[in-house]
Amino acid sequence: MDPTGEYYEVIEEKQRRFGNLRDSSTKIPIETIDFEAYAEGQNHAKETKLIPEELVE
């Protein structure tokens, strides 16, 4: 337990701002996706190592 309560305040603030991220999802209609931009972003993430290899595949 954090005696200052700071750890718990951060968790509470995150949940207040973003909700429960484990249960959240975003539904985007397939026709609104720019696949060229998506592929470019994925290539950029691979090159900069922003995404672990197992998630890229």
Protein backbone atom coordinates (compact mmCIF):
# COMPACT_ATOMS: atom_id res chain seq x y z
CA MET A 1 0.00 0.00 0.00
CA ASP A 2 1.31 3.44 -0.90
CA PRO A 3 1.38 5.52 2.31
CA THR A 4 1.12 8.80 0.38
CA GLY A 5 -1.91 7.71 -1.62
CA GLU A 6 -0.25 9.08 -4.78
CA TYR A 7 -0.31 5.73 -6.59
CA TYR A 8 -4.04 5.36 -6.02
CA GLU A 9 -4.71 8.93 -7.15
CA VAL A 10 -2.97 8.24 -10.46
CA ILE A 11 -5.03 5.06 -11.00
CA GLU A 12 -8.25 6.88 -10.14
CA GLU A 13 -7.38 9.78 -12.48
CA LYS A 14 -6.60 7.35 -15.33
CA GLN A 15 -9.91 5.56 -14.82
CA ARG A 16 -11.79 8.86 -14.65
CA ARG A 17 -10.23 10.12 -17.89
CA PHE A 18 -10.06 6.91 -19.93
CA GLY A 19 -12.42 4.43 -18.30
CA ASN A 20 -11.49 0.78 -17.99
CA LEU A 21 -9.14 0.32 -20.93
CA ARG A 22 -9.23 -3.48 -20.75
CA ASP A 23 -12.92 -3.47 -21.58
CA SER A 24 -12.86 -0.65 -24.12
CA SER A 25 -12.87 -1.07 -27.86
CA THR A 26 -13.40 1.17 -30.82
CA LYS A 27 -15.58 0.10 -33.70
CA ILE A 28 -14.66 1.77 -36.99
CA PRO A 29 -16.57 1.04 -40.20
CA ILE A 30 -14.21 -0.73 -42.63
CA GLU A 31 -14.95 1.74 -45.43
CA THR A 32 -13.56 4.64 -43.36
CA ILE A 33 -10.10 3.09 -42.93
CA ASP A 34 -7.31 4.53 -45.09
CA PHE A 35 -5.33 1.33 -45.69
CA GLU A 36 -2.41 3.17 -47.27
CA ALA A 37 -2.02 5.32 -44.16
CA TYR A 38 -2.50 2.26 -41.94
CA ALA A 39 0.27 0.36 -43.77
CA GLU A 40 2.57 3.39 -43.63
CA GLY A 41 1.98 3.72 -39.88
CA GLN A 42 2.66 0.03 -39.37
CA ASN A 43 5.92 0.27 -41.33
CA HIS A 44 6.93 3.31 -39.30
CA ALA A 45 6.18 1.44 -36.07
CA LYS A 46 8.31 -1.51 -37.22
CA GLU A 47 11.23 0.74 -38.11
CA THR A 48 11.11 2.67 -34.85
CA LYS A 49 10.36 -0.44 -32.76
CA LEU A 50 7.19 1.08 -31.30
CA ILE A 51 5.30 -2.20 -31.71
CA PRO A 52 6.69 -5.54 -30.47
CA GLU A 53 7.34 -8.02 -33.29
CA GLU A 54 4.63 -10.45 -32.11
CA LEU A 55 1.98 -7.73 -32.48
CA VAL A 56 3.18 -6.64 -35.93
CA GLU A 57 2.59 -10.06 -37.51
